[in-house]
């Protein structure tokens, strides 16, 4: 029997037996990992408000608050944030709680403080076995000394529909959203260092898996100096140079403003160059948005695919920036050639004094181009 069928039976039997709403708000987090849409880890508080046929203080209420009611509000969920899965291709929304496949449905699960709710798109094999599993990043310390190595572990949370078994995930990449810090070995272990003082968030990704939940780390100096309050933990400007108030200048290369590519010949490499800066380069970020006949998406560097922006569909500013390192020459390889659509590609450079190249210049740090 597939996970989906087990979930349907469990939910049907338990939805009416959900516990009565608690008098106190319950803090939890919710993530949505669809194939088109995604919602980052979002903190919410359940308050006991019923959602459709589901009682309050359940996973259903938490999901409803996280997506602001933008889903079908059904116990047997088909649509979240305009993305629908009805098992026509053995695909469906799958409910996980705290890195474990839930044995009950979203209406039957009463949330507990600190719960981490995940809704992911599952696809069954021809034998009705699950094929999509989330990663779990474990062993991340709350605080580390800058430049000191530490080891973390990544597991694939495999389930047979009854038991969830953590299995070492080899080849998983650890990222801080700016760069890949290391790749796990056959045992799922990897040793990394974090050089910059400040707050950092780590997560694990691997092709074919749902990325891990994020883990916050405070990076302190060797003398115990607490995390910097500078945004992003950026180091201060070098001493002796005087205040640097000029943003580094970045420009896109390899694609011309207004260029048109034939269908099937869309670019795969995103290139840019950043001029030298007196403070030194801290980070370079890209943003790529697509409009295909009114359906607007943005490329997620974290998920490595395009995502639907359901709140502001057709503005470049609605896209998500993703880090591509700290070198002056950028050459980012997309997973595949870009399909049909109108694209806006932006590049932003940040120096070590935390000056940002925020002004958009067509033909410079912003290029509009077309495919198909």
Protein backbone atom coordinates (compact mmCIF):
# COMPACT_ATOMS: atom_id res chain seq x y z
CA UNK A 1 0.00 0.00 0.00
CA UNK A 2 1.40 3.45 -0.94
CA UNK A 3 2.14 6.20 1.58
CA UNK A 4 -0.68 8.17 0.02
CA UNK A 5 -3.26 5.45 0.66
CA UNK A 6 -2.02 4.96 4.21
CA UNK A 7 -2.24 8.71 4.76
CA UNK A 8 -5.78 8.91 3.39
CA UNK A 9 -7.00 6.07 5.60
CA UNK A 10 -5.29 7.46 8.69
CA UNK A 11 -6.66 10.94 8.14
CA UNK A 12 -10.18 9.75 7.41
CA UNK A 13 -10.26 7.79 10.66
CA UNK A 14 -8.74 10.50 12.83
CA UNK A 15 -9.92 13.85 11.48
CA UNK A 16 -13.01 13.91 13.69
CA UNK A 17 -11.00 12.77 16.68
CA UNK A 18 -8.55 15.70 16.63
CA UNK A 19 -8.00 17.19 20.03
CA UNK A 20 -9.92 20.30 21.05
CA UNK A 21 -8.07 23.57 20.55
CA UNK A 22 -5.70 24.54 23.34
CA UNK A 23 -6.21 27.87 25.02
CA UNK A 24 -2.61 28.95 24.41
CA UNK A 25 -0.90 29.79 21.09
CA UNK A 26 1.57 27.17 19.89
CA UNK A 27 4.70 28.28 17.96
CA UNK A 28 5.75 26.03 15.04
CA UNK A 29 7.45 26.41 11.66
CA UNK A 30 6.16 25.41 8.22
CA UNK A 31 8.03 24.65 4.98
CA UNK A 32 6.51 23.93 1.56
CA UNK A 33 8.69 22.03 -0.94
CA UNK A 34 6.79 21.80 -4.20
CA UNK A 35 8.06 21.17 -7.69
CA UNK A 36 7.04 24.67 -8.80
CA UNK A 37 6.52 26.64 -5.60
CA UNK A 38 8.47 26.76 -2.37
CA UNK A 39 8.02 28.42 1.00
CA UNK A 40 11.07 28.87 3.20
CA UNK A 41 10.86 27.92 6.85
CA UNK A 42 8.12 30.19 8.18
CA UNK A 43 7.32 30.65 11.89
CA UNK A 44 3.63 30.76 12.80
CA UNK A 45 1.49 30.35 15.91
CA UNK A 46 -1.65 28.27 15.99
CA UNK A 47 -4.45 29.81 17.99
CA UNK A 48 -7.14 27.13 17.87
CA UNK A 49 -8.89 28.43 14.75
CA UNK A 50 -10.60 25.72 12.72
CA UNK A 51 -9.73 25.42 9.03
CA UNK A 52 -12.45 23.88 6.90
CA UNK A 53 -13.27 20.52 8.47
CA UNK A 54 -10.02 20.52 10.46
CA UNK A 55 -9.84 21.49 14.11
CA UNK A 56 -7.60 24.26 15.42
CA UNK A 57 -4.09 23.73 16.74
CA UNK A 58 -3.50 21.11 14.07
CA UNK A 59 -0.95 21.00 11.28
CA UNK A 60 -3.75 22.19 8.99
CA UNK A 61 -4.11 25.45 10.92
CA UNK A 62 -0.33 25.98 10.88
CA UNK A 63 -0.20 25.46 7.10
CA UNK A 64 -3.13 27.80 6.62
CA UNK A 65 -1.39 30.58 8.52
CA UNK A 66 1.94 30.02 6.74
CA UNK A 67 0.44 30.35 3.24
CA UNK A 68 -2.14 32.99 4.23
CA UNK A 69 -5.03 30.71 3.24
CA UNK A 70 -3.68 30.11 -0.28
CA UNK A 71 -4.45 26.37 -0.50
CA UNK A 72 -7.50 24.14 -0.90
CA UNK A 73 -7.93 23.72 2.91
CA UNK A 74 -8.74 20.03 2.48
CA UNK A 75 -7.65 17.14 4.69
CA UNK A 76 -6.56 15.29 1.56
CA UNK A 77 -4.58 18.23 0.19
CA UNK A 78 -4.24 18.64 -3.57
CA UNK A 79 -3.33 22.32 -4.03
CA UNK A 80 -0.92 24.57 -2.15
CA UNK A 81 0.10 28.01 -3.49
CA UNK A 82 -1.49 27.23 -6.89
CA UNK A 83 0.51 24.00 -7.31
CA UNK A 84 -1.74 20.96 -7.71
CA UNK A 85 -0.96 17.24 -7.37
CA UNK A 86 -3.85 14.78 -7.69
CA UNK A 87 -2.01 11.47 -8.19
CA UNK A 88 -2.60 11.53 -11.95
CA UNK A 89 1.15 10.87 -12.27
CA UNK A 90 1.43 9.13 -8.89
CA UNK A 91 2.15 12.54 -7.37
CA UNK A 92 0.69 14.00 -4.18
CA UNK A 93 1.40 16.29 -1.24
CA UNK A 94 3.14 14.42 1.57
CA UNK A 95 3.08 15.50 5.26
CA UNK A 96 6.24 15.25 7.41
CA UNK A 97 6.79 16.36 10.97
CA UNK A 98 10.22 16.90 12.55
CA UNK A 99 12.04 15.05 9.73
CA UNK A 100 9.70 12.05 10.07
CA UNK A 101 6.92 10.88 7.75
CA UNK A 102 3.65 11.41 9.62
CA UNK A 103 1.43 8.43 10.31
CA UNK A 104 -1.61 10.70 10.59
CA UNK A 105 -2.98 13.44 8.38
CA UNK A 106 -2.70 17.20 8.78
CA UNK A 107 -6.15 17.44 10.38
CA UNK A 108 -5.38 14.74 12.93
CA UNK A 109 -1.98 15.96 14.08
CA UNK A 110 -2.10 18.35 17.04
CA UNK A 111 0.97 20.55 16.95
CA UNK A 112 3.47 20.82 19.79
CA UNK A 113 5.72 23.83 20.52
CA UNK A 114 8.75 23.84 18.23
CA UNK A 115 7.33 21.38 15.68
CA UNK A 116 8.76 21.62 12.16
CA UNK A 117 6.10 20.92 9.55
CA UNK A 118 7.05 20.02 5.98
CA UNK A 119 4.75 19.50 3.00
CA UNK A 120 6.63 17.99 0.05
CA UNK A 121 5.62 16.59 -3.33
CA UNK A 122 5.93 12.81 -3.27
CA UNK A 123 6.02 10.56 -6.32
CA UNK A 124 5.38 6.84 -5.99
CA UNK A 125 7.25 4.23 -7.97
CA UNK A 126 5.35 1.66 -10.10
CA UNK A 127 5.33 -0.55 -6.97
CA UNK A 128 3.76 2.30 -4.94
CA UNK A 129 6.93 3.00 -2.95
CA UNK A 130 8.00 6.52 -2.14
CA UNK A 131 10.84 7.99 -4.19
CA UNK A 132 11.29 11.48 -2.69
CA UNK A 133 12.88 11.96 0.73
CA UNK A 134 14.04 15.02 2.67
CA UNK A 135 17.55 15.55 3.95
CA UNK A 136 18.33 16.21 7.61
CA UNK A 137 21.38 18.26 8.64
CA UNK A 138 22.51 17.17 12.12
CA UNK A 139 25.35 18.01 14.47
CA UNK A 140 25.42 21.74 13.68
CA UNK A 141 26.71 23.63 16.75
CA UNK A 142 24.91 26.73 17.93
CA UNK A 143 28.21 28.61 18.03
CA UNK A 144 31.63 28.10 16.42
CA UNK A 145 34.94 29.98 16.35
CA UNK A 146 35.70 31.62 13.01
CA UNK A 147 38.18 29.55 11.02
CA UNK A 148 37.90 26.50 13.30
CA UNK A 149 36.81 23.29 11.51
CA UNK A 150 33.78 21.35 12.68
CA UNK A 151 31.98 18.29 11.34
CA UNK A 152 28.32 17.92 10.46
CA UNK A 153 26.29 14.98 9.16
CA UNK A 154 23.63 14.76 6.48
CA UNK A 155 21.06 11.95 6.46
CA UNK A 156 18.43 11.03 3.93
CA UNK A 157 15.20 10.43 5.84
CA UNK A 158 13.94 7.30 4.09
CA UNK A 159 10.52 5.87 4.85
CA UNK A 160 8.59 2.75 3.90
CA UNK A 161 5.35 4.42 4.94
CA UNK A 162 5.58 3.10 8.50
CA UNK A 163 9.12 3.69 9.73
CA UNK A 164 11.45 6.57 8.92
CA UNK A 165 15.12 5.57 8.85
CA UNK A 166 17.99 8.09 8.71
CA UNK A 167 20.46 6.91 6.05
CA UNK A 168 23.87 8.56 5.43
CA UNK A 169 23.63 10.87 2.42
CA UNK A 170 26.86 10.93 0.42
CA UNK A 171 27.44 13.73 -2.09
CA UNK A 172 25.23 16.25 -0.26
CA UNK A 173 26.45 19.84 -0.43
CA UNK A 174 26.56 22.13 2.59
CA UNK A 175 25.85 25.77 1.77
CA UNK A 176 25.45 29.05 3.62
CA UNK A 177 23.46 30.52 0.73
CA UNK A 178 26.57 32.20 -0.65
CA UNK A 179 28.82 29.28 -1.54
CA UNK A 180 29.22 25.51 -1.22
CA UNK A 181 31.30 24.87 1.91
CA UNK A 182 31.83 21.13 1.49
CA UNK A 183 30.41 17.83 0.22
CA UNK A 184 29.62 14.81 2.39
CA UNK A 185 31.55 11.54 2.19
CA UNK A 186 30.12 8.01 2.03
CA UNK A 187 29.21 8.21 5.72
CA UNK A 188 27.33 11.46 5.29
CA UNK A 189 30.02 13.46 7.12
CA UNK A 190 31.78 16.65 6.06
CA UNK A 191 34.15 19.00 7.87
CA UNK A 192 33.73 22.71 7.14
CA UNK A 193 34.93 26.07 8.40
CA UNK A 194 33.16 29.42 8.61
CA UNK A 195 35.68 32.27 8.23
CA UNK A 196 33.50 35.36 8.77
CA UNK A 197 32.30 36.46 12.21
CA UNK A 198 28.52 36.87 12.32
CA UNK A 199 25.26 34.92 12.12
CA UNK A 200 25.15 32.23 9.44
CA UNK A 201 22.52 29.78 8.23
CA UNK A 202 23.49 26.36 6.87
CA UNK A 203 21.49 23.83 4.88
CA UNK A 204 22.14 20.67 2.86
CA UNK A 205 21.09 19.98 -0.73
CA UNK A 206 21.37 16.99 -3.04
CA UNK A 207 19.79 16.29 -6.41
CA UNK A 208 16.69 14.12 -6.03
CA UNK A 209 16.09 15.05 -2.38
CA UNK A 210 14.16 17.79 -0.62
CA UNK A 211 16.74 20.13 0.92
CA UNK A 212 17.26 20.04 4.67
CA UNK A 213 15.75 22.42 7.15
CA UNK A 214 18.06 25.38 7.84
CA UNK A 215 20.33 25.51 10.89
CA UNK A 216 21.48 28.79 12.43
CA UNK A 217 25.09 29.18 13.58
CA UNK A 218 26.70 32.09 15.45
CA UNK A 219 30.30 32.54 14.33
CA UNK A 220 32.47 34.25 16.97
CA UNK A 221 36.05 35.49 16.92
CA UNK A 222 38.82 33.51 18.62
CA UNK A 223 38.71 35.89 21.60
CA UNK A 224 35.02 35.15 22.08
CA UNK A 225 33.74 38.35 20.48
CA UNK A 226 30.04 37.77 19.76
CA UNK A 227 28.53 37.77 16.32
CA UNK A 228 28.73 41.01 14.37
CA UNK A 229 25.60 43.09 14.03
CA UNK A 230 26.65 44.04 10.50
CA UNK A 231 24.04 42.65 8.03
CA UNK A 232 25.07 39.23 6.78
CA UNK A 233 28.07 39.13 9.13
CA UNK A 234 30.17 41.14 6.68
CA UNK A 235 33.62 42.05 8.01
CA UNK A 236 34.42 45.74 8.48
CA UNK A 237 36.36 47.79 5.95
CA UNK A 238 40.15 47.36 6.13
CA UNK A 239 41.85 49.63 8.65
CA UNK A 240 43.87 52.50 7.23
CA UNK A 241 41.95 52.98 4.00
CA UNK A 242 39.48 55.48 5.36
CA UNK A 243 35.72 55.09 4.99
CA UNK A 244 34.77 53.39 1.74
CA UNK A 245 31.35 54.60 0.62
CA UNK A 246 31.46 53.55 -3.03
CA UNK A 247 29.70 50.39 -4.20
CA UNK A 248 31.64 47.95 -6.36
CA UNK A 249 30.64 48.01 -10.01
CA UNK A 250 29.36 44.78 -11.61
CA UNK A 251 28.39 44.01 -15.20
CA UNK A 252 26.85 41.02 -16.95
CA UNK A 253 28.83 39.49 -19.80
CA UNK A 254 28.07 36.84 -22.42
CA UNK A 255 24.45 37.98 -22.98
CA UNK A 256 23.61 41.24 -24.70
CA UNK A 257 20.80 43.58 -23.75
CA UNK A 258 17.70 42.63 -25.79
CA UNK A 259 19.34 39.50 -27.25
CA UNK A 260 17.01 36.82 -28.62
CA UNK A 261 17.84 33.13 -28.50
CA UNK A 262 16.09 30.49 -30.61
CA UNK A 263 13.88 27.89 -28.94
CA UNK A 264 16.12 25.17 -27.50
CA UNK A 265 19.15 27.46 -27.72
CA UNK A 266 18.63 29.40 -24.51
CA UNK A 267 21.80 30.20 -22.54
CA UNK A 268 22.98 27.93 -19.75
CA UNK A 269 25.88 29.97 -18.38
CA UNK A 270 25.38 33.21 -16.44
CA UNK A 271 28.52 35.34 -16.47
CA UNK A 272 29.48 38.62 -14.85
CA UNK A 273 32.55 40.59 -13.88
CA UNK A 274 33.13 42.94 -10.93
CA UNK A 275 35.61 45.82 -10.99
CA UNK A 276 38.29 45.96 -8.27
CA UNK A 277 37.20 47.61 -5.01
CA UNK A 278 39.37 49.22 -2.29
CA UNK A 279 37.60 47.33 0.51
CA UNK A 280 37.77 43.99 -1.24
CA UNK A 281 34.88 41.92 -2.55
CA UNK A 282 32.65 40.22 0.02
CA UNK A 283 29.99 38.56 -2.14
CA UNK A 284 28.39 38.49 -5.58
CA UNK A 285 24.73 37.61 -6.10
CA UNK A 286 22.56 36.88 -9.12
CA UNK A 287 18.81 37.16 -9.67
CA UNK A 288 17.02 35.63 -12.65
CA UNK A 289 13.30 36.06 -13.32
CA UNK A 290 11.20 34.64 -16.17
CA UNK A 291 7.90 35.63 -17.77
CA UNK A 292 6.42 32.97 -20.05
CA UNK A 293 3.13 34.32 -21.44
CA UNK A 294 2.09 35.76 -18.10
CA UNK A 295 3.33 32.90 -15.92
CA UNK A 296 6.16 34.41 -13.90
CA UNK A 297 8.82 32.57 -11.95
CA UNK A 298 12.25 33.17 -10.47
CA UNK A 299 15.32 30.93 -10.33
CA UNK A 300 16.13 29.65 -6.85
CA UNK A 301 19.82 29.03 -6.28
CA UNK A 302 18.93 26.99 -3.22
CA UNK A 303 16.52 24.68 -5.02
CA UNK A 304 18.33 24.94 -8.38
CA UNK A 305 15.12 25.38 -10.36
CA UNK A 306 12.47 27.98 -11.13
CA UNK A 307 9.83 28.79 -8.53
CA UNK A 308 6.47 30.49 -8.80
CA UNK A 309 6.13 33.79 -6.97
CA UNK A 310 2.45 33.87 -6.08
CA UNK A 311 2.47 37.30 -4.42
CA UNK A 312 4.12 39.49 -7.07
CA UNK A 313 4.30 37.38 -10.17
CA UNK A 314 5.73 39.66 -12.83
CA UNK A 315 8.27 41.97 -11.26
CA UNK A 316 12.02 41.35 -11.30
CA UNK A 317 12.13 42.62 -7.71
CA UNK A 318 9.95 39.66 -6.71
CA UNK A 319 12.76 37.27 -7.59
CA UNK A 320 15.23 35.84 -5.10
CA UNK A 321 18.94 36.72 -5.01
CA UNK A 322 21.38 33.80 -4.67
CA UNK A 323 25.07 33.91 -3.87
CA UNK A 324 27.70 32.83 -6.40
CA UNK A 325 30.86 33.39 -4.36
CA UNK A 326 33.27 36.24 -3.73
CA UNK A 327 35.34 36.34 -6.91
CA UNK A 328 35.38 39.17 -9.41
CA UNK A 329 34.72 36.79 -12.32
CA UNK A 330 31.40 34.93 -12.18
CA UNK A 331 30.55 31.88 -14.31
CA UNK A 332 27.40 30.15 -13.03
CA UNK A 333 26.19 26.97 -14.76
CA UNK A 334 22.42 26.46 -14.80
CA UNK A 335 21.05 22.87 -14.57
CA UNK A 336 19.75 23.13 -18.16
CA UNK A 337 19.34 25.59 -21.03
CA UNK A 338 16.75 28.23 -20.36
CA UNK A 339 13.35 27.50 -21.94
CA UNK A 340 11.01 29.92 -23.70
CA UNK A 341 10.35 33.25 -22.00
CA UNK A 342 11.35 36.83 -21.31
CA UNK A 343 14.17 37.00 -18.77
CA UNK A 344 15.62 39.66 -16.52
CA UNK A 345 19.10 38.88 -15.18
CA UNK A 346 20.57 41.05 -12.41
CA UNK A 347 23.97 40.97 -10.71
CA UNK A 348 24.76 42.63 -7.39
CA UNK A 349 28.21 43.02 -5.82
CA UNK A 350 28.85 43.69 -2.12
CA UNK A 351 32.22 44.83 -0.76
CA UNK A 352 33.73 44.28 2.68
CA UNK A 353 32.52 47.70 3.81
CA UNK A 354 29.06 46.38 2.89
CA UNK A 355 28.47 48.82 0.07
CA UNK A 356 26.04 47.31 -2.44
CA UNK A 357 25.67 47.80 -6.18
CA UNK A 358 21.89 48.26 -5.86
CA UNK A 359 21.22 50.71 -8.71
CA UNK A 360 19.90 48.78 -11.75
CA UNK A 361 21.60 49.72 -15.03
CA UNK A 362 20.17 48.25 -18.25
CA UNK A 363 22.96 46.80 -20.33
CA UNK A 364 25.25 46.76 -17.28
CA UNK A 365 24.25 44.97 -14.08
CA UNK A 366 20.80 44.24 -15.59
CA UNK A 367 20.13 42.47 -18.88
CA UNK A 368 16.75 41.74 -20.44
CA UNK A 369 16.77 38.93 -23.02
CA UNK A 370 14.42 36.48 -24.73
CA UNK A 371 14.27 32.78 -25.57
CA UNK A 372 11.94 31.33 -28.21
